[in-house]
Amino acid sequence: MKAREFLARKKQQVEERNLIKQPLTAAELRALAKKAGGAESLVAPKRRAEAEGLSGDKLIAWLAEDGGRVRRPIIEVGGELTLGFAADAQEKLARLLP
């Protein structure tokens, strides 16, 4: 099941943004990194090797250059952030949503 379907079943309002066409700004990425426990958490699993050796502002700038480098979907519920839609993220969302 995709995240969009999951959230529709839970009757949640969704604000969608195509990160490929509209990448996150460095400021948006910094704010997300604080909630996610660091910018490293925002890197898409398939792009981690490319990000090796980058940290801090360099990593944020690298992520801001290409939205495909960011782990998706990014779902925020009640101040809690989930990245991706693997089983652990689905379980967390199931606990957070009515």
PDB file of N, CA and C in Angstrom:
ATOM      1  N   MET A   1       0.847  -1.175   0.000  1.00  0.00           N
ATOM      2  CA  MET A   1       0.000   0.000   0.000  1.00  0.00           C
ATOM      3  C   MET A   1       0.894   1.241   0.000  1.00  0.00           C
ATOM      4  N   LYS A   2       0.496   2.213  -0.791  1.00  0.00           N
ATOM      5  CA  LYS A   2       1.240   3.455  -0.837  1.00  0.00           C
ATOM      6  C   LYS A   2       0.783   4.383   0.276  1.00  0.00           C
ATOM      7  N   ALA A   3       1.639   5.319   0.608  1.00  0.00           N
ATOM      8  CA  ALA A   3       1.346   6.269   1.677  1.00  0.00           C
ATOM      9  C   ALA A   3       0.070   7.049   1.383  1.00  0.00           C
ATOM     10  N   ARG A   4      -0.115   7.444   0.139  1.00  0.00           N
ATOM     11  CA  ARG A   4      -1.300   8.212  -0.244  1.00  0.00           C
ATOM     12  C   ARG A   4      -2.574   7.426   0.076  1.00  0.00           C
ATOM     13  N   GLU A   5      -2.585   6.143  -0.252  1.00  0.00           N
ATOM     14  CA  GLU A   5      -3.748   5.280   0.021  1.00  0.00           C
ATOM     15  C   GLU A   5      -3.958   5.133   1.526  1.00  0.00           C
ATOM     16  N   PHE A   6      -2.884   4.913   2.248  1.00  0.00           N
ATOM     17  CA  PHE A   6      -2.944   4.751   3.695  1.00  0.00           C
ATOM     18  C   PHE A   6      -3.587   5.976   4.347  1.00  0.00           C
ATOM     19  N   LEU A   7      -3.112   7.158   3.962  1.00  0.00           N
ATOM     20  CA  LEU A   7      -3.629   8.392   4.548  1.00  0.00           C
ATOM     21  C   LEU A   7      -5.075   8.655   4.132  1.00  0.00           C
ATOM     22  N   ALA A   8      -5.435   8.278   2.926  1.00  0.00           N
ATOM     23  CA  ALA A   8      -6.823   8.437   2.481  1.00  0.00           C
ATOM     24  C   ALA A   8      -7.742   7.542   3.312  1.00  0.00           C
ATOM     25  N   ARG A   9      -7.314   6.329   3.592  1.00  0.00           N
ATOM     26  CA  ARG A   9      -8.111   5.415   4.423  1.00  0.00           C
ATOM     27  C   ARG A   9      -8.297   5.967   5.834  1.00  0.00           C
ATOM     28  N   LYS A  10      -7.296   6.697   6.312  1.00  0.00           N
ATOM     29  CA  LYS A  10      -7.365   7.297   7.647  1.00  0.00           C
ATOM     30  C   LYS A  10      -8.075   8.658   7.604  1.00  0.00           C
ATOM     31  N   LYS A  11      -8.545   9.042   6.409  1.00  0.00           N
ATOM     32  CA  LYS A  11      -9.262  10.303   6.198  1.00  0.00           C
ATOM     33  C   LYS A  11      -8.442  11.516   6.659  1.00  0.00           C
ATOM     34  N   GLN A  12      -7.192  11.529   6.253  1.00  0.00           N
ATOM     35  CA  GLN A  12      -6.285  12.618   6.614  1.00  0.00           C
ATOM     36  C   GLN A  12      -6.142  13.601   5.456  1.00  0.00           C
ATOM     37  N   GLN A  13      -6.135  14.888   5.800  1.00  0.00           N
ATOM     38  CA  GLN A  13      -5.856  15.914   4.805  1.00  0.00           C
ATOM     39  C   GLN A  13      -4.372  15.814   4.455  1.00  0.00           C
ATOM     40  N   VAL A  14      -4.065  15.907   3.189  1.00  0.00           N
ATOM     41  CA  VAL A  14      -2.686  15.745   2.742  1.00  0.00           C
ATOM     42  C   VAL A  14      -2.273  16.941   1.902  1.00  0.00           C
ATOM     43  N   GLU A  15      -1.106  17.453   2.212  1.00  0.00           N
ATOM     44  CA  GLU A  15      -0.512  18.497   1.382  1.00  0.00           C
ATOM     45  C   GLU A  15       0.612  17.824   0.601  1.00  0.00           C
ATOM     46  N   GLU A  16       0.414  17.695  -0.700  1.00  0.00           N
ATOM     47  CA  GLU A  16       1.416  17.016  -1.527  1.00  0.00           C
ATOM     48  C   GLU A  16       2.318  18.022  -2.218  1.00  0.00           C
ATOM     49  N   ARG A  17       3.567  17.606  -2.381  1.00  0.00           N
ATOM     50  CA  ARG A  17       4.552  18.423  -3.085  1.00  0.00           C
ATOM     51  C   ARG A  17       5.495  17.477  -3.813  1.00  0.00           C
ATOM     52  N   ASN A  18       5.650  17.693  -5.085  1.00  0.00           N
ATOM     53  CA  ASN A  18       6.571  16.893  -5.884  1.00  0.00           C
ATOM     54  C   ASN A  18       7.976  17.434  -5.656  1.00  0.00           C
ATOM     55  N   LEU A  19       8.782  16.692  -4.895  1.00  0.00           N
ATOM     56  CA  LEU A  19      10.114  17.172  -4.534  1.00  0.00           C
ATOM     57  C   LEU A  19      11.091  17.161  -5.704  1.00  0.00           C
ATOM     58  N   ILE A  20      10.747  16.447  -6.756  1.00  0.00           N
ATOM     59  CA  ILE A  20      11.600  16.464  -7.948  1.00  0.00           C
ATOM     60  C   ILE A  20      11.407  17.796  -8.678  1.00  0.00           C
ATOM     61  N   LYS A  21      10.157  18.208  -8.822  1.00  0.00           N
ATOM     62  CA  LYS A  21       9.858  19.462  -9.516  1.00  0.00           C
ATOM     63  C   LYS A  21      10.051  20.679  -8.621  1.00  0.00           C
ATOM     64  N   GLN A  22       9.812  20.519  -7.320  1.00  0.00           N
ATOM     65  CA  GLN A  22       9.932  21.601  -6.348  1.00  0.00           C
ATOM     66  C   GLN A  22      10.774  21.138  -5.168  1.00  0.00           C
ATOM     67  N   PRO A  23      12.082  21.082  -5.335  1.00  0.00           N
ATOM     68  CA  PRO A  23      12.937  20.613  -4.233  1.00  0.00           C
ATOM     69  C   PRO A  23      12.777  21.474  -2.985  1.00  0.00           C
ATOM     70  N   LEU A  24      13.045  20.872  -1.847  1.00  0.00           N
ATOM     71  CA  LEU A  24      13.011  21.598  -0.583  1.00  0.00           C
ATOM     72  C   LEU A  24      14.158  22.598  -0.534  1.00  0.00           C
ATOM     73  N   THR A  25      13.915  23.727   0.096  1.00  0.00           N
ATOM     74  CA  THR A  25      14.972  24.726   0.253  1.00  0.00           C
ATOM     75  C   THR A  25      15.901  24.288   1.387  1.00  0.00           C
ATOM     76  N   ALA A  26      17.041  24.928   1.463  1.00  0.00           N
ATOM     77  CA  ALA A  26      17.987  24.618   2.540  1.00  0.00           C
ATOM     78  C   ALA A  26      17.344  24.886   3.898  1.00  0.00           C
ATOM     79  N   ALA A  27      16.567  25.961   4.007  1.00  0.00           N
ATOM     80  CA  ALA A  27      15.901  26.276   5.276  1.00  0.00           C
ATOM     81  C   ALA A  27      14.878  25.200   5.646  1.00  0.00           C
ATOM     82  N   GLU A  28      14.110  24.734   4.665  1.00  0.00           N
ATOM     83  CA  GLU A  28      13.139  23.672   4.923  1.00  0.00           C
ATOM     84  C   GLU A  28      13.844  22.385   5.344  1.00  0.00           C
ATOM     85  N   LEU A  29      14.951  22.082   4.693  1.00  0.00           N
ATOM     86  CA  LEU A  29      15.711  20.879   5.022  1.00  0.00           C
ATOM     87  C   LEU A  29      16.309  20.967   6.431  1.00  0.00           C
ATOM     88  N   ARG A  30      16.792  22.134   6.819  1.00  0.00           N
ATOM     89  CA  ARG A  30      17.332  22.300   8.178  1.00  0.00           C
ATOM     90  C   ARG A  30      16.243  22.058   9.220  1.00  0.00           C
ATOM     91  N   ALA A  31      15.052  22.600   8.974  1.00  0.00           N
ATOM     92  CA  ALA A  31      13.941  22.417   9.913  1.00  0.00           C
ATOM     93  C   ALA A  31      13.555  20.942  10.011  1.00  0.00           C
ATOM     94  N   LEU A  32      13.509  20.258   8.868  1.00  0.00           N
ATOM     95  CA  LEU A  32      13.195  18.830   8.873  1.00  0.00           C
ATOM     96  C   LEU A  32      14.290  18.024   9.559  1.00  0.00           C
ATOM     97  N   ALA A  33      15.544  18.410   9.328  1.00  0.00           N
ATOM     98  CA  ALA A  33      16.675  17.698   9.935  1.00  0.00           C
ATOM     99  C   ALA A  33      16.604  17.754  11.456  1.00  0.00           C
ATOM    100  N   LYS A  34      16.168  18.889  12.009  1.00  0.00           N
ATOM    101  CA  LYS A  34      16.034  19.009  13.467  1.00  0.00           C
ATOM    102  C   LYS A  34      14.999  18.013  13.990  1.00  0.00           C
ATOM    103  N   LYS A  35      13.898  17.871  13.268  1.00  0.00           N
ATOM    104  CA  LYS A  35      12.835  16.960  13.693  1.00  0.00           C
ATOM    105  C   LYS A  35      13.211  15.501  13.465  1.00  0.00           C
ATOM    106  N   ALA A  36      14.051  15.254  12.438  1.00  0.00           N
ATOM    107  CA  ALA A  36      14.402  13.886  12.059  1.00  0.00           C
ATOM    108  C   ALA A  36      15.613  13.356  12.812  1.00  0.00           C
ATOM    109  N   GLY A  37      16.298  14.217  13.555  1.00  0.00           N
ATOM    110  CA  GLY A  37      17.480  13.771  14.274  1.00  0.00           C
ATOM    111  C   GLY A  37      18.755  13.912  13.477  1.00  0.00           C
ATOM    112  N   GLY A  38      18.744  14.768  12.483  1.00  0.00           N
ATOM    113  CA  GLY A  38      19.937  15.027  11.685  1.00  0.00           C
ATOM    114  C   GLY A  38      19.675  14.938  10.202  1.00  0.00           C
ATOM    115  N   ALA A  39      20.473  15.660   9.437  1.00  0.00           N
ATOM    116  CA  ALA A  39      20.307  15.696   7.982  1.00  0.00           C
ATOM    117  C   ALA A  39      20.566  14.340   7.345  1.00  0.00           C
ATOM    118  N   GLU A  40      21.394  13.520   7.986  1.00  0.00           N
ATOM    119  CA  GLU A  40      21.705  12.201   7.435  1.00  0.00           C
ATOM    120  C   GLU A  40      20.438  11.354   7.286  1.00  0.00           C
ATOM    121  N   SER A  41      19.466  11.566   8.171  1.00  0.00           N
ATOM    122  CA  SER A  41      18.208  10.820   8.128  1.00  0.00           C
ATOM    123  C   SER A  41      17.372  11.168   6.906  1.00  0.00           C
ATOM    124  N   LEU A  42      17.627  12.333   6.324  1.00  0.00           N
ATOM    125  CA  LEU A  42      16.844  12.793   5.183  1.00  0.00           C
ATOM    126  C   LEU A  42      17.314  12.218   3.852  1.00  0.00           C
ATOM    127  N   VAL A  43      18.469  11.586   3.846  1.00  0.00           N
ATOM    128  CA  VAL A  43      19.036  11.064   2.593  1.00  0.00           C
ATOM    129  C   VAL A  43      18.298   9.791   2.182  1.00  0.00           C
ATOM    130  N   ALA A  44      17.875   9.751   0.923  1.00  0.00           N
ATOM    131  CA  ALA A  44      17.200   8.567   0.385  1.00  0.00           C
ATOM    132  C   ALA A  44      18.150   7.373   0.462  1.00  0.00           C
ATOM    133  N   PRO A  45      17.637   6.194   0.832  1.00  0.00           N
ATOM    134  CA  PRO A  45      18.506   5.013   0.977  1.00  0.00           C
ATOM    135  C   PRO A  45      19.371   4.722  -0.250  1.00  0.00           C
ATOM    136  N   LYS A  46      18.824   4.893  -1.425  1.00  0.00           N
ATOM    137  CA  LYS A  46      19.585   4.589  -2.650  1.00  0.00           C
ATOM    138  C   LYS A  46      20.647   5.633  -2.959  1.00  0.00           C
ATOM    139  N   ARG A  47      20.631   6.751  -2.249  1.00  0.00           N
ATOM    140  CA  ARG A  47      21.588   7.824  -2.517  1.00  0.00           C
ATOM    141  C   ARG A  47      22.621   7.980  -1.398  1.00  0.00           C
ATOM    142  N   ARG A  48      22.561   7.104  -0.394  1.00  0.00           N
ATOM    143  CA  ARG A  48      23.468   7.240   0.760  1.00  0.00           C
ATOM    144  C   ARG A  48      24.939   7.158   0.380  1.00  0.00           C
ATOM    145  N   ALA A  49      25.269   6.297  -0.557  1.00  0.00           N
ATOM    146  CA  ALA A  49      26.671   6.161  -0.962  1.00  0.00           C
ATOM    147  C   ALA A  49      27.195   7.474  -1.545  1.00  0.00           C
ATOM    148  N   GLU A  50      26.338   8.176  -2.285  1.00  0.00           N
ATOM    149  CA  GLU A  50      26.736   9.454  -2.878  1.00  0.00           C
ATOM    150  C   GLU A  50      26.957  10.521  -1.808  1.00  0.00           C
ATOM    151  N   ALA A  51      26.239  10.413  -0.697  1.00  0.00           N
ATOM    152  CA  ALA A  51      26.313  11.421   0.365  1.00  0.00           C
ATOM    153  C   ALA A  51      27.438  11.148   1.354  1.00  0.00           C
ATOM    154  N   GLU A  52      28.107  10.039   1.193  1.00  0.00           N
ATOM    155  CA  GLU A  52      29.170   9.678   2.128  1.00  0.00           C
ATOM    156  C   GLU A  52      30.222  10.785   2.180  1.00  0.00           C
ATOM    157  N   GLY A  53      30.594  11.158   3.383  1.00  0.00           N
ATOM    158  CA  GLY A  53      31.603  12.200   3.560  1.00  0.00           C
ATOM    159  C   GLY A  53      31.011  13.601   3.676  1.00  0.00           C
ATOM    160  N   LEU A  54      29.716  13.752   3.400  1.00  0.00           N
ATOM    161  CA  LEU A  54      29.070  15.057   3.520  1.00  0.00           C
ATOM    162  C   LEU A  54      28.377  15.159   4.869  1.00  0.00           C
ATOM    163  N   SER A  55      28.402  16.335   5.446  1.00  0.00           N
ATOM    164  CA  SER A  55      27.682  16.560   6.700  1.00  0.00           C
ATOM    165  C   SER A  55      27.365  18.037   6.824  1.00  0.00           C
ATOM    166  N   GLY A  56      26.534  18.357   7.787  1.00  0.00           N
ATOM    167  CA  GLY A  56      26.201  19.748   8.069  1.00  0.00           C
ATOM    168  C   GLY A  56      25.654  20.495   6.874  1.00  0.00           C
ATOM    169  N   ASP A  57      26.160  21.712   6.686  1.00  0.00           N
ATOM    170  CA  ASP A  57      25.676  22.572   5.609  1.00  0.00           C
ATOM    171  C   ASP A  57      25.963  22.004   4.225  1.00  0.00           C
ATOM    172  N   LYS A  58      27.064  21.266   4.087  1.00  0.00           N
ATOM    173  CA  LYS A  58      27.374  20.655   2.781  1.00  0.00           C
ATOM    174  C   LYS A  58      26.336  19.606   2.422  1.00  0.00           C
ATOM    175  N   LEU A  59      25.904  18.823   3.395  1.00  0.00           N
ATOM    176  CA  LEU A  59      24.881  17.813   3.147  1.00  0.00           C
ATOM    177  C   LEU A  59      23.546  18.472   2.836  1.00  0.00           C
ATOM    178  N   ILE A  60      23.192  19.508   3.565  1.00  0.00           N
ATOM    179  CA  ILE A  60      21.944  20.242   3.317  1.00  0.00           C
ATOM    180  C   ILE A  60      21.959  20.816   1.899  1.00  0.00           C
ATOM    181  N   ALA A  61      23.059  21.430   1.500  1.00  0.00           N
ATOM    182  CA  ALA A  61      23.167  22.010   0.156  1.00  0.00           C
ATOM    183  C   ALA A  61      23.046  20.924  -0.904  1.00  0.00           C
ATOM    184  N   TRP A  62      23.670  19.781  -0.673  1.00  0.00           N
ATOM    185  CA  TRP A  62      23.612  18.658  -1.612  1.00  0.00           C
ATOM    186  C   TRP A  62      22.171  18.164  -1.762  1.00  0.00           C
ATOM    187  N   LEU A  63      21.459  18.050  -0.652  1.00  0.00           N
ATOM    188  CA  LEU A  63      20.056  17.615  -0.694  1.00  0.00           C
ATOM    189  C   LEU A  63      19.186  18.648  -1.403  1.00  0.00           C
ATOM    190  N   ALA A  64      19.454  19.926  -1.182  1.00  0.00           N
ATOM    191  CA  ALA A  64      18.657  21.000  -1.785  1.00  0.00           C
ATOM    192  C   ALA A  64      18.816  21.060  -3.303  1.00  0.00           C
ATOM    193  N   GLU A  65      19.933  20.570  -3.824  1.00  0.00           N
ATOM    194  CA  GLU A  65      20.184  20.595  -5.268  1.00  0.00           C
ATOM    195  C   GLU A  65      19.260  19.670  -6.055  1.00  0.00           C
ATOM    196  N   ASP A  66      18.827  18.572  -5.431  1.00  0.00           N
ATOM    197  CA  ASP A  66      18.057  17.554  -6.150  1.00  0.00           C
ATOM    198  C   ASP A  66      17.085  16.873  -5.191  1.00  0.00           C
ATOM    199  N   GLY A  67      15.798  17.089  -5.404  1.00  0.00           N
ATOM    200  CA  GLY A  67      14.781  16.499  -4.546  1.00  0.00           C
ATOM    201  C   GLY A  67      14.778  14.983  -4.549  1.00  0.00           C
ATOM    202  N   GLY A  68      15.359  14.375  -5.569  1.00  0.00           N
ATOM    203  CA  GLY A  68      15.448  12.924  -5.643  1.00  0.00           C
ATOM    204  C   GLY A  68      16.406  12.341  -4.623  1.00  0.00           C
ATOM    205  N   ARG A  69      17.190  13.180  -4.007  1.00  0.00           N
ATOM    206  CA  ARG A  69      18.140  12.726  -2.996  1.00  0.00           C
ATOM    207  C   ARG A  69      17.495  12.620  -1.610  1.00  0.00           C
ATOM    208  N   VAL A  70      16.296  13.180  -1.475  1.00  0.00           N
ATOM    209  CA  VAL A  70      15.604  13.230  -0.184  1.00  0.00           C
ATOM    210  C   VAL A  70      14.706  12.016  -0.026  1.00  0.00           C
ATOM    211  N   ARG A  71      14.737  11.434   1.162  1.00  0.00           N
ATOM    212  CA  ARG A  71      13.893  10.277   1.458  1.00  0.00           C
ATOM    213  C   ARG A  71      12.426  10.699   1.430  1.00  0.00           C
ATOM    214  N   ARG A  72      11.614   9.924   0.720  1.00  0.00           N
ATOM    215  CA  ARG A  72      10.203  10.250   0.562  1.00  0.00           C
ATOM    216  C   ARG A  72       9.357   9.032   0.850  1.00  0.00           C
ATOM    217  N   PRO A  73       8.125   9.212   1.243  1.00  0.00           N
ATOM    218  CA  PRO A  73       7.453  10.468   1.547  1.00  0.00           C
ATOM    219  C   PRO A  73       7.870  10.986   2.914  1.00  0.00           C
ATOM    220  N   ILE A  74       7.678  12.280   3.095  1.00  0.00           N
ATOM    221  CA  ILE A  74       7.890  12.918   4.386  1.00  0.00           C
ATOM    222  C   ILE A  74       6.496  13.190   4.936  1.00  0.00           C
ATOM    223  N   ILE A  75       6.185  12.585   6.055  1.00  0.00           N
ATOM    224  CA  ILE A  75       4.852  12.733   6.639  1.00  0.00           C
ATOM    225  C   ILE A  75       5.007  13.245   8.063  1.00  0.00           C
ATOM    226  N   GLU A  76       4.313  14.345   8.347  1.00  0.00           N
ATOM    227  CA  GLU A  76       4.340  14.907   9.692  1.00  0.00           C
ATOM    228  C   GLU A  76       2.933  14.865  10.268  1.00  0.00           C
ATOM    229  N   VAL A  77       2.816  14.260  11.434  1.00  0.00           N
ATOM    230  CA  VAL A  77       1.533  14.160  12.136  1.00  0.00           C
ATOM    231  C   VAL A  77       1.765  14.585  13.579  1.00  0.00           C
ATOM    232  N   GLY A  78       1.085  15.624  13.987  1.00  0.00           N
ATOM    233  CA  GLY A  78       1.199  16.073  15.369  1.00  0.00           C
ATOM    234  C   GLY A  78       2.616  16.363  15.811  1.00  0.00           C
ATOM    235  N   GLY A  79       3.421  16.925  14.931  1.00  0.00           N
ATOM    236  CA  GLY A  79       4.811  17.234  15.268  1.00  0.00           C
ATOM    237  C   GLY A  79       5.765  16.057  15.134  1.00  0.00           C
ATOM    238  N   GLU A  80       5.229  14.854  14.909  1.00  0.00           N
ATOM    239  CA  GLU A  80       6.062  13.655  14.714  1.00  0.00           C
ATOM    240  C   GLU A  80       6.336  13.481  13.217  1.00  0.00           C
ATOM    241  N   LEU A  81       7.567  13.209  12.884  1.00  0.00           N
ATOM    242  CA  LEU A  81       7.988  13.079  11.498  1.00  0.00           C
ATOM    243  C   LEU A  81       8.272  11.626  11.160  1.00  0.00           C
ATOM    244  N   THR A  82       7.772  11.177  10.011  1.00  0.00           N
ATOM    245  CA  THR A  82       8.154   9.862   9.491  1.00  0.00           C
ATOM    246  C   THR A  82       8.735  10.070   8.100  1.00  0.00           C
ATOM    247  N   LEU A  83       9.770   9.322   7.812  1.00  0.00           N
ATOM    248  CA  LEU A  83      10.438   9.392   6.518  1.00  0.00           C
ATOM    249  C   LEU A  83      10.350   8.039   5.859  1.00  0.00           C
ATOM    250  N   GLY A  84       9.944   8.025   4.606  1.00  0.00           N
ATOM    251  CA  GLY A  84       9.771   6.764   3.904  1.00  0.00           C
ATOM    252  C   GLY A  84       8.460   6.118   4.313  1.00  0.00           C
ATOM    253  N   PHE A  85       8.211   4.937   3.749  1.00  0.00           N
ATOM    254  CA  PHE A  85       6.960   4.253   4.078  1.00  0.00           C
ATOM    255  C   PHE A  85       7.197   2.770   4.269  1.00  0.00           C
ATOM    256  N   ALA A  86       8.320   2.447   4.873  1.00  0.00           N
ATOM    257  CA  ALA A  86       8.632   1.058   5.211  1.00  0.00           C
ATOM    258  C   ALA A  86       7.734   0.631   6.364  1.00  0.00           C
ATOM    259  N   ALA A  87       7.803  -0.613   6.746  1.00  0.00           N
ATOM    260  CA  ALA A  87       6.934  -1.173   7.781  1.00  0.00           C
ATOM    261  C   ALA A  87       7.003  -0.389   9.085  1.00  0.00           C
ATOM    262  N   ASP A  88       8.201   0.024   9.497  1.00  0.00           N
ATOM    263  CA  ASP A  88       8.310   0.766  10.760  1.00  0.00           C
ATOM    264  C   ASP A  88       7.599   2.111  10.687  1.00  0.00           C
ATOM    265  N   ALA A  89       7.672   2.783   9.534  1.00  0.00           N
ATOM    266  CA  ALA A  89       6.975   4.055   9.361  1.00  0.00           C
ATOM    267  C   ALA A  89       5.474   3.847   9.356  1.00  0.00           C
ATOM    268  N   GLN A  90       5.011   2.764   8.739  1.00  0.00           N
ATOM    269  CA  GLN A  90       3.587   2.467   8.713  1.00  0.00           C
ATOM    270  C   GLN A  90       3.066   2.197  10.123  1.00  0.00           C
ATOM    271  N   GLU A  91       3.826   1.468  10.918  1.00  0.00           N
ATOM    272  CA  GLU A  91       3.426   1.182  12.301  1.00  0.00           C
ATOM    273  C   GLU A  91       3.351   2.464  13.125  1.00  0.00           C
ATOM    274  N   LYS A  92       4.333   3.332  12.950  1.00  0.00           N
ATOM    275  CA  LYS A  92       4.348   4.592  13.678  1.00  0.00           C
ATOM    276  C   LYS A  92       3.123   5.434  13.309  1.00  0.00           C
ATOM    277  N   LEU A  93       2.830   5.512  12.012  1.00  0.00           N
ATOM    278  CA  LEU A  93       1.666   6.284  11.573  1.00  0.00           C
ATOM    279  C   LEU A  93       0.373   5.688  12.074  1.00  0.00           C
ATOM    280  N   ALA A  94       0.283   4.377  12.114  1.00  0.00           N
ATOM    281  CA  ALA A  94      -0.928   3.710  12.617  1.00  0.00           C
ATOM    282  C   ALA A  94      -1.162   4.073  14.083  1.00  0.00           C
ATOM    283  N   ARG A  95      -0.082   4.232  14.846  1.00  0.00           N
ATOM    284  CA  ARG A  95      -0.211   4.626  16.258  1.00  0.00           C
ATOM    285  C   ARG A  95      -0.608   6.112  16.380  1.00  0.00           C
ATOM    286  N   LEU A  96      -0.116   6.961  15.486  1.00  0.00           N
ATOM    287  CA  LEU A  96      -0.342   8.394  15.579  1.00  0.00           C
ATOM    288  C   LEU A  96      -1.723   8.822  15.077  1.00  0.00           C
ATOM    289  N   LEU A  97      -2.246   8.068  14.129  1.00  0.00           N
ATOM    290  CA  LEU A  97      -3.523   8.453  13.508  1.00  0.00           C
ATOM    291  C   LEU A  97      -4.692   7.664  14.079  1.00  0.00           C
ATOM    292  N   PRO A  98      -5.831   8.332  14.207  1.00  0.00           N
ATOM    293  CA  PRO A  98      -7.020   7.641  14.750  1.00  0.00           C
ATOM    294  C   PRO A  98      -7.555   6.578  13.803  1.00  0.00           C
TER     295      PRO A  98
END
